[in-house]
All heavy atoms as atom14 arrays in JSON, in Angstrom:
{
  "sequence": "LQDNEYRAEPGRVAPVPLPVGNELRALFFRYQLLE",
  "atom14_mask": [
    [1, 1, 1, 1, 1, 1, 1, 1, 0, 0, 0, 0, 0, 0],
    [1, 1, 1, 1, 1, 1, 1, 1, 1, 0, 0, 0, 0, 0],
    [1, 1, 1, 1, 1, 1, 1, 1, 0, 0, 0, 0, 0, 0],
    [1, 1, 1, 1, 1, 1, 1, 1, 0, 0, 0, 0, 0, 0],
    [1, 1, 1, 1, 1, 1, 1, 1, 1, 0, 0, 0, 0, 0],
    [1, 1, 1, 1, 1, 1, 1, 1, 1, 1, 1, 1, 0, 0],
    [1, 1, 1, 1, 1, 1, 1, 1, 1, 1, 1, 0, 0, 0],
    [1, 1, 1, 1, 1, 0, 0, 0, 0, 0, 0, 0, 0, 0],
    [1, 1, 1, 1, 1, 1, 1, 1, 1, 0, 0, 0, 0, 0],
    [1, 1, 1, 1, 1, 1, 1, 0, 0, 0, 0, 0, 0, 0],
    [1, 1, 1, 1, 0, 0, 0, 0, 0, 0, 0, 0, 0, 0],
    [1, 1, 1, 1, 1, 1, 1, 1, 1, 1, 1, 0, 0, 0],
    [1, 1, 1, 1, 1, 1, 1, 0, 0, 0, 0, 0, 0, 0],
    [1, 1, 1, 1, 1, 0, 0, 0, 0, 0, 0, 0, 0, 0],
    [1, 1, 1, 1, 1, 1, 1, 0, 0, 0, 0, 0, 0, 0],
    [1, 1, 1, 1, 1, 1, 1, 0, 0, 0, 0, 0, 0, 0],
    [1, 1, 1, 1, 1, 1, 1, 0, 0, 0, 0, 0, 0, 0],
    [1, 1, 1, 1, 1, 1, 1, 1, 0, 0, 0, 0, 0, 0],
    [1, 1, 1, 1, 1, 1, 1, 0, 0, 0, 0, 0, 0, 0],
    [1, 1, 1, 1, 1, 1, 1, 0, 0, 0, 0, 0, 0, 0],
    [1, 1, 1, 1, 0, 0, 0, 0, 0, 0, 0, 0, 0, 0],
    [1, 1, 1, 1, 1, 1, 1, 1, 0, 0, 0, 0, 0, 0],
    [1, 1, 1, 1, 1, 1, 1, 1, 1, 0, 0, 0, 0, 0],
    [1, 1, 1, 1, 1, 1, 1, 1, 0, 0, 0, 0, 0, 0],
    [1, 1, 1, 1, 1, 1, 1, 1, 1, 1, 1, 0, 0, 0],
    [1, 1, 1, 1, 1, 0, 0, 0, 0, 0, 0, 0, 0, 0],
    [1, 1, 1, 1, 1, 1, 1, 1, 0, 0, 0, 0, 0, 0],
    [1, 1, 1, 1, 1, 1, 1, 1, 1, 1, 1, 0, 0, 0],
    [1, 1, 1, 1, 1, 1, 1, 1, 1, 1, 1, 0, 0, 0],
    [1, 1, 1, 1, 1, 1, 1, 1, 1, 1, 1, 0, 0, 0],
    [1, 1, 1, 1, 1, 1, 1, 1, 1, 1, 1, 1, 0, 0],
    [1, 1, 1, 1, 1, 1, 1, 1, 1, 0, 0, 0, 0, 0],
    [1, 1, 1, 1, 1, 1, 1, 1, 0, 0, 0, 0, 0, 0],
    [1, 1, 1, 1, 1, 1, 1, 1, 0, 0, 0, 0, 0, 0],
    [1, 1, 1, 1, 1, 1, 1, 1, 1, 0, 0, 0, 0, 0]
  ],
  "atom14_positions": [
    [[-92.51, 19.54, -11.18], [-92.07, 19.52, -9.84], [-92.49, 18.23, -9.28], [-93.53, 17.64, -9.62], [-93.04, 20.53, -9.09], [-92.97, 20.52, -7.59], [-93.1, 21.91, -7.02], [-94.06, 19.73, -6.97], [0.0, 0.0, 0.0], [0.0, 0.0, 0.0], [0.0, 0.0, 0.0], [0.0, 0.0, 0.0], [0.0, 0.0, 0.0], [0.0, 0.0, 0.0]],
    [[-91.58, 17.58, -8.55], [-91.76, 16.26, -8.01], [-91.04, 16.16, -6.68], [-89.78, 16.31, -6.64], [-91.29, 15.17, -8.98], [-91.6, 13.75, -8.53], [-91.31, 12.72, -9.53], [-91.38, 12.94, -10.77], [-90.78, 11.56, -9.13], [0.0, 0.0, 0.0], [0.0, 0.0, 0.0], [0.0, 0.0, 0.0], [0.0, 0.0, 0.0], [0.0, 0.0, 0.0]],
    [[-91.72, 15.86, -5.6], [-91.13, 15.73, -4.17], [-91.4, 14.26, -3.81], [-92.5, 13.84, -3.87], [-91.7, 16.68, -3.29], [-91.42, 18.09, -3.57], [-90.47, 18.4, -4.39], [-92.12, 18.99, -3.04], [0.0, 0.0, 0.0], [0.0, 0.0, 0.0], [0.0, 0.0, 0.0], [0.0, 0.0, 0.0], [0.0, 0.0, 0.0], [0.0, 0.0, 0.0]],
    [[-90.37, 13.6, -3.52], [-90.49, 12.19, -2.85], [-89.95, 12.35, -1.39], [-88.89, 12.85, -1.03], [-89.56, 11.24, -3.61], [-90.08, 10.93, -4.97], [-91.05, 10.25, -5.1], [-89.37, 11.43, -5.93], [0.0, 0.0, 0.0], [0.0, 0.0, 0.0], [0.0, 0.0, 0.0], [0.0, 0.0, 0.0], [0.0, 0.0, 0.0], [0.0, 0.0, 0.0]],
    [[-90.87, 11.94, -0.55], [-90.6, 11.85, 0.89], [-90.76, 10.48, 1.51], [-91.8, 9.85, 1.22], [-91.51, 12.9, 1.6], [-91.38, 12.93, 3.19], [-92.44, 13.78, 3.78], [-92.73, 14.9, 3.21], [-92.91, 13.33, 4.76], [0.0, 0.0, 0.0], [0.0, 0.0, 0.0], [0.0, 0.0, 0.0], [0.0, 0.0, 0.0], [0.0, 0.0, 0.0]],
    [[-89.8, 9.96, 2.28], [-89.93, 8.66, 2.8], [-89.87, 8.76, 4.3], [-89.21, 9.45, 4.85], [-88.79, 7.83, 2.34], [-88.63, 7.78, 0.78], [-87.96, 8.63, 0.03], [-89.36, 6.77, 0.14], [-87.86, 8.53, -1.4], [-89.32, 6.69, -1.2], [-88.59, 7.52, -1.94], [-88.52, 7.35, -3.39], [0.0, 0.0, 0.0], [0.0, 0.0, 0.0]],
    [[-90.68, 7.79, 4.93], [-90.72, 7.86, 6.41], [-91.06, 6.4, 6.93], [-91.61, 5.67, 6.14], [-91.58, 8.8, 7.01], [-93.05, 8.76, 6.72], [-93.77, 10.06, 7.23], [-95.05, 10.22, 6.62], [-96.11, 9.79, 7.09], [-96.17, 8.94, 8.2], [-97.37, 9.93, 6.51], [0.0, 0.0, 0.0], [0.0, 0.0, 0.0], [0.0, 0.0, 0.0]],
    [[-90.81, 6.14, 8.23], [-91.24, 4.87, 8.74], [-92.69, 4.64, 8.79], [-93.4, 5.64, 8.98], [-90.46, 4.68, 10.05], [0.0, 0.0, 0.0], [0.0, 0.0, 0.0], [0.0, 0.0, 0.0], [0.0, 0.0, 0.0], [0.0, 0.0, 0.0], [0.0, 0.0, 0.0], [0.0, 0.0, 0.0], [0.0, 0.0, 0.0], [0.0, 0.0, 0.0]],
    [[-93.06, 3.5, 8.53], [-94.52, 3.01, 8.77], [-94.7, 2.7, 10.23], [-94.16, 1.94, 10.81], [-94.71, 1.77, 7.84], [-96.18, 1.19, 7.98], [-97.26, 2.15, 7.28], [-96.84, 3.04, 6.52], [-98.37, 1.84, 7.48], [0.0, 0.0, 0.0], [0.0, 0.0, 0.0], [0.0, 0.0, 0.0], [0.0, 0.0, 0.0], [0.0, 0.0, 0.0]],
    [[-95.71, 3.47, 10.79], [-96.02, 3.17, 12.23], [-96.31, 1.89, 12.46], [-97.08, 1.12, 11.81], [-97.28, 4.14, 12.4], [-97.22, 5.17, 11.32], [-96.51, 4.45, 10.3], [0.0, 0.0, 0.0], [0.0, 0.0, 0.0], [0.0, 0.0, 0.0], [0.0, 0.0, 0.0], [0.0, 0.0, 0.0], [0.0, 0.0, 0.0], [0.0, 0.0, 0.0]],
    [[-95.74, 1.28, 13.56], [-95.92, -0.06, 13.97], [-95.19, -1.12, 13.05], [-95.47, -2.34, 13.33], [0.0, 0.0, 0.0], [0.0, 0.0, 0.0], [0.0, 0.0, 0.0], [0.0, 0.0, 0.0], [0.0, 0.0, 0.0], [0.0, 0.0, 0.0], [0.0, 0.0, 0.0], [0.0, 0.0, 0.0], [0.0, 0.0, 0.0], [0.0, 0.0, 0.0]],
    [[-94.44, -0.79, 12.16], [-93.65, -1.67, 11.35], [-92.11, -1.42, 11.52], [-91.7, -0.41, 11.95], [-93.98, -1.42, 9.91], [-95.44, -1.48, 9.63], [-95.97, -2.89, 9.62], [-97.29, -3.0, 9.3], [-97.98, -4.1, 9.17], [-97.49, -5.15, 9.4], [-99.31, -4.0, 8.84], [0.0, 0.0, 0.0], [0.0, 0.0, 0.0], [0.0, 0.0, 0.0]],
    [[-91.39, -2.37, 11.17], [-89.96, -2.24, 11.13], [-89.47, -1.58, 9.99], [-89.78, -2.06, 8.82], [-89.21, -3.78, 11.17], [-87.8, -3.66, 11.07], [-89.65, -4.53, 12.41], [0.0, 0.0, 0.0], [0.0, 0.0, 0.0], [0.0, 0.0, 0.0], [0.0, 0.0, 0.0], [0.0, 0.0, 0.0], [0.0, 0.0, 0.0], [0.0, 0.0, 0.0]],
    [[-88.74, -0.51, 10.14], [-88.26, 0.32, 9.01], [-86.94, -0.25, 8.42], [-86.14, -0.81, 9.25], [-88.09, 1.78, 9.45], [0.0, 0.0, 0.0], [0.0, 0.0, 0.0], [0.0, 0.0, 0.0], [0.0, 0.0, 0.0], [0.0, 0.0, 0.0], [0.0, 0.0, 0.0], [0.0, 0.0, 0.0], [0.0, 0.0, 0.0], [0.0, 0.0, 0.0]],
    [[-86.72, -0.16, 7.1], [-85.41, -0.53, 6.58], [-84.28, 0.49, 7.05], [-84.61, 1.57, 7.3], [-85.7, -0.46, 5.13], [-86.76, 0.44, 4.85], [-87.63, 0.37, 6.14], [0.0, 0.0, 0.0], [0.0, 0.0, 0.0], [0.0, 0.0, 0.0], [0.0, 0.0, 0.0], [0.0, 0.0, 0.0], [0.0, 0.0, 0.0], [0.0, 0.0, 0.0]],
    [[-83.14, -0.11, 7.16], [-82.01, 0.82, 7.56], [-81.04, 0.72, 6.34], [-80.58, -0.24, 5.99], [-81.3, 0.18, 8.79], [-80.09, 1.12, 9.11], [-82.29, 0.21, 9.91], [0.0, 0.0, 0.0], [0.0, 0.0, 0.0], [0.0, 0.0, 0.0], [0.0, 0.0, 0.0], [0.0, 0.0, 0.0], [0.0, 0.0, 0.0], [0.0, 0.0, 0.0]],
    [[-80.76, 1.85, 5.79], [-81.34, 3.1, 5.91], [-82.66, 3.32, 5.17], [-82.85, 2.53, 4.18], [-80.34, 4.11, 5.44], [-79.67, 3.38, 4.24], [-79.64, 1.9, 4.74], [0.0, 0.0, 0.0], [0.0, 0.0, 0.0], [0.0, 0.0, 0.0], [0.0, 0.0, 0.0], [0.0, 0.0, 0.0], [0.0, 0.0, 0.0], [0.0, 0.0, 0.0]],
    [[-83.45, 4.32, 5.54], [-84.67, 4.65, 4.74], [-84.1, 5.3, 3.38], [-83.14, 5.94, 3.38], [-85.47, 5.68, 5.48], [-86.5, 5.15, 6.4], [-87.1, 6.33, 7.29], [-87.57, 4.42, 5.69], [0.0, 0.0, 0.0], [0.0, 0.0, 0.0], [0.0, 0.0, 0.0], [0.0, 0.0, 0.0], [0.0, 0.0, 0.0], [0.0, 0.0, 0.0]],
    [[-84.9, 5.17, 2.39], [-84.49, 5.86, 1.13], [-84.38, 7.33, 1.47], [-85.13, 7.99, 2.21], [-85.63, 5.53, 0.16], [-86.28, 4.29, 0.61], [-86.12, 4.37, 2.17], [0.0, 0.0, 0.0], [0.0, 0.0, 0.0], [0.0, 0.0, 0.0], [0.0, 0.0, 0.0], [0.0, 0.0, 0.0], [0.0, 0.0, 0.0], [0.0, 0.0, 0.0]],
    [[-83.57, 8.02, 0.62], [-83.3, 9.46, 0.78], [-84.46, 10.21, 0.02], [-84.63, 9.95, -1.14], [-81.91, 9.88, 0.43], [-81.74, 11.34, 0.61], [-81.0, 9.13, 1.18], [0.0, 0.0, 0.0], [0.0, 0.0, 0.0], [0.0, 0.0, 0.0], [0.0, 0.0, 0.0], [0.0, 0.0, 0.0], [0.0, 0.0, 0.0], [0.0, 0.0, 0.0]],
    [[-85.06, 11.19, 0.7], [-86.1, 11.93, -0.02], [-85.35, 12.94, -0.98], [-84.11, 13.24, -0.86], [0.0, 0.0, 0.0], [0.0, 0.0, 0.0], [0.0, 0.0, 0.0], [0.0, 0.0, 0.0], [0.0, 0.0, 0.0], [0.0, 0.0, 0.0], [0.0, 0.0, 0.0], [0.0, 0.0, 0.0], [0.0, 0.0, 0.0], [0.0, 0.0, 0.0]],
    [[-85.97, 13.35, -2.01], [-85.44, 14.27, -2.95], [-86.45, 15.11, -3.5], [-87.71, 14.86, -3.59], [-84.72, 13.53, -4.07], [-85.59, 12.65, -4.92], [-86.69, 12.93, -5.3], [-85.09, 11.35, -5.17], [0.0, 0.0, 0.0], [0.0, 0.0, 0.0], [0.0, 0.0, 0.0], [0.0, 0.0, 0.0], [0.0, 0.0, 0.0], [0.0, 0.0, 0.0]],
    [[-86.16, 16.35, -4.02], [-86.94, 17.25, -4.68], [-86.44, 17.48, -6.07], [-85.26, 17.69, -6.34], [-86.94, 18.55, -3.9], [-87.63, 18.51, -2.58], [-87.42, 19.72, -1.67], [-86.64, 20.62, -2.14], [-88.06, 19.76, -0.68], [0.0, 0.0, 0.0], [0.0, 0.0, 0.0], [0.0, 0.0, 0.0], [0.0, 0.0, 0.0], [0.0, 0.0, 0.0]],
    [[-87.48, 17.56, -7.01], [-87.12, 17.72, -8.38], [-87.86, 18.93, -8.89], [-89.08, 19.05, -8.77], [-87.54, 16.53, -9.22], [-87.36, 16.57, -10.7], [-85.91, 16.72, -11.17], [-88.0, 15.53, -11.46], [0.0, 0.0, 0.0], [0.0, 0.0, 0.0], [0.0, 0.0, 0.0], [0.0, 0.0, 0.0], [0.0, 0.0, 0.0], [0.0, 0.0, 0.0]],
    [[-87.09, 19.97, -9.42], [-87.65, 21.09, -10.19], [-86.92, 21.1, -11.49], [-85.71, 21.2, -11.53], [-87.36, 22.42, -9.4], [-87.67, 22.41, -7.8], [-89.26, 22.5, -7.78], [-89.65, 22.53, -6.37], [-89.71, 21.55, -5.58], [-89.63, 20.32, -6.08], [-90.1, 21.63, -4.3], [0.0, 0.0, 0.0], [0.0, 0.0, 0.0], [0.0, 0.0, 0.0]],
    [[-87.68, 21.03, -12.5], [-87.03, 20.88, -13.84], [-87.7, 21.46, -14.99], [-89.0, 21.8, -14.91], [-86.92, 19.28, -14.14], [0.0, 0.0, 0.0], [0.0, 0.0, 0.0], [0.0, 0.0, 0.0], [0.0, 0.0, 0.0], [0.0, 0.0, 0.0], [0.0, 0.0, 0.0], [0.0, 0.0, 0.0], [0.0, 0.0, 0.0], [0.0, 0.0, 0.0]],
    [[-86.99, 21.76, -16.09], [-87.64, 22.17, -17.34], [-87.48, 21.07, -18.37], [-86.52, 20.26, -18.29], [-86.83, 23.39, -17.83], [-86.74, 24.6, -16.94], [-85.83, 25.7, -17.45], [-88.17, 25.18, -16.68], [0.0, 0.0, 0.0], [0.0, 0.0, 0.0], [0.0, 0.0, 0.0], [0.0, 0.0, 0.0], [0.0, 0.0, 0.0], [0.0, 0.0, 0.0]],
    [[-88.37, 20.93, -19.26], [-88.28, 19.83, -20.19], [-88.75, 20.3, -21.54], [-89.59, 21.26, -21.78], [-89.08, 18.67, -19.69], [-90.62, 18.88, -19.72], [-91.36, 18.6, -20.8], [-91.34, 19.34, -18.55], [-92.77, 18.82, -20.77], [-92.59, 19.44, -18.49], [-93.42, 19.26, -19.65], [0.0, 0.0, 0.0], [0.0, 0.0, 0.0], [0.0, 0.0, 0.0]],
    [[-88.41, 19.4, -22.51], [-88.83, 19.56, -23.93], [-89.32, 18.11, -24.33], [-88.6, 17.13, -24.13], [-87.78, 20.09, -24.85], [-88.33, 20.17, -26.3], [-89.17, 21.17, -26.65], [-87.98, 19.15, -27.23], [-89.7, 21.19, -28.0], [-88.46, 19.23, -28.46], [-89.28, 20.15, -28.88], [0.0, 0.0, 0.0], [0.0, 0.0, 0.0], [0.0, 0.0, 0.0]],
    [[-90.53, 18.03, -24.92], [-91.0, 16.75, -25.23], [-91.54, 16.7, -26.81], [-92.08, 17.67, -27.24], [-92.29, 16.36, -24.38], [-92.82, 15.05, -24.7], [-94.12, 14.76, -23.79], [-93.76, 14.93, -22.38], [-94.52, 15.55, -21.53], [-95.72, 16.14, -21.97], [-94.29, 15.68, -20.25], [0.0, 0.0, 0.0], [0.0, 0.0, 0.0], [0.0, 0.0, 0.0]],
    [[-91.21, 15.68, -27.51], [-91.61, 15.45, -28.86], [-92.43, 14.13, -28.92], [-91.99, 13.1, -28.48], [-90.41, 15.45, -29.85], [-90.97, 15.03, -31.15], [-91.57, 15.97, -32.06], [-90.67, 13.75, -31.67], [-92.03, 15.61, -33.33], [-91.02, 13.44, -32.95], [-91.69, 14.3, -33.73], [-92.17, 13.97, -35.04], [0.0, 0.0, 0.0], [0.0, 0.0, 0.0]],
    [[-93.64, 14.18, -29.51], [-94.48, 12.99, -29.64], [-94.8, 12.79, -31.12], [-95.22, 13.94, -31.77], [-95.76, 13.18, -28.79], [-95.58, 13.1, -27.31], [-96.77, 13.31, -26.52], [-97.34, 14.49, -26.54], [-97.32, 12.33, -25.88], [0.0, 0.0, 0.0], [0.0, 0.0, 0.0], [0.0, 0.0, 0.0], [0.0, 0.0, 0.0], [0.0, 0.0, 0.0]],
    [[-94.9, 11.62, -31.51], [-95.23, 11.24, -32.95], [-96.38, 10.09, -32.63], [-96.03, 9.11, -32.05], [-94.17, 10.82, -33.82], [-94.55, 10.29, -35.14], [-95.17, 11.4, -35.91], [-93.26, 9.74, -35.78], [0.0, 0.0, 0.0], [0.0, 0.0, 0.0], [0.0, 0.0, 0.0], [0.0, 0.0, 0.0], [0.0, 0.0, 0.0], [0.0, 0.0, 0.0]],
    [[-97.53, 10.36, -33.16], [-98.65, 9.41, -32.96], [-99.29, 9.11, -34.27], [-99.74, 9.89, -35.07], [-99.7, 9.95, -32.0], [-99.25, 10.46, -30.68], [-100.3, 11.29, -30.0], [-98.87, 9.23, -29.84], [0.0, 0.0, 0.0], [0.0, 0.0, 0.0], [0.0, 0.0, 0.0], [0.0, 0.0, 0.0], [0.0, 0.0, 0.0], [0.0, 0.0, 0.0]],
    [[-99.5, 7.73, -34.46], [-100.4, 7.34, -35.64], [-101.76, 7.24, -35.04], [-101.93, 6.44, -34.1], [-99.84, 6.03, -36.18], [-100.69, 5.43, -37.28], [-100.21, 4.17, -37.8], [-99.41, 3.43, -37.01], [-100.52, 3.71, -38.8], [0.0, 0.0, 0.0], [0.0, 0.0, 0.0], [0.0, 0.0, 0.0], [0.0, 0.0, 0.0], [0.0, 0.0, 0.0]]
  ]
}
């Protein structure tokens, strides 16, 4: 699960447009090989 939320910084100039927030819900498979 990963949620990204973006908002203006109080007292600062915000970029136009702000990045778009997103939500990630995912399934994964991982393989690791270690020496």
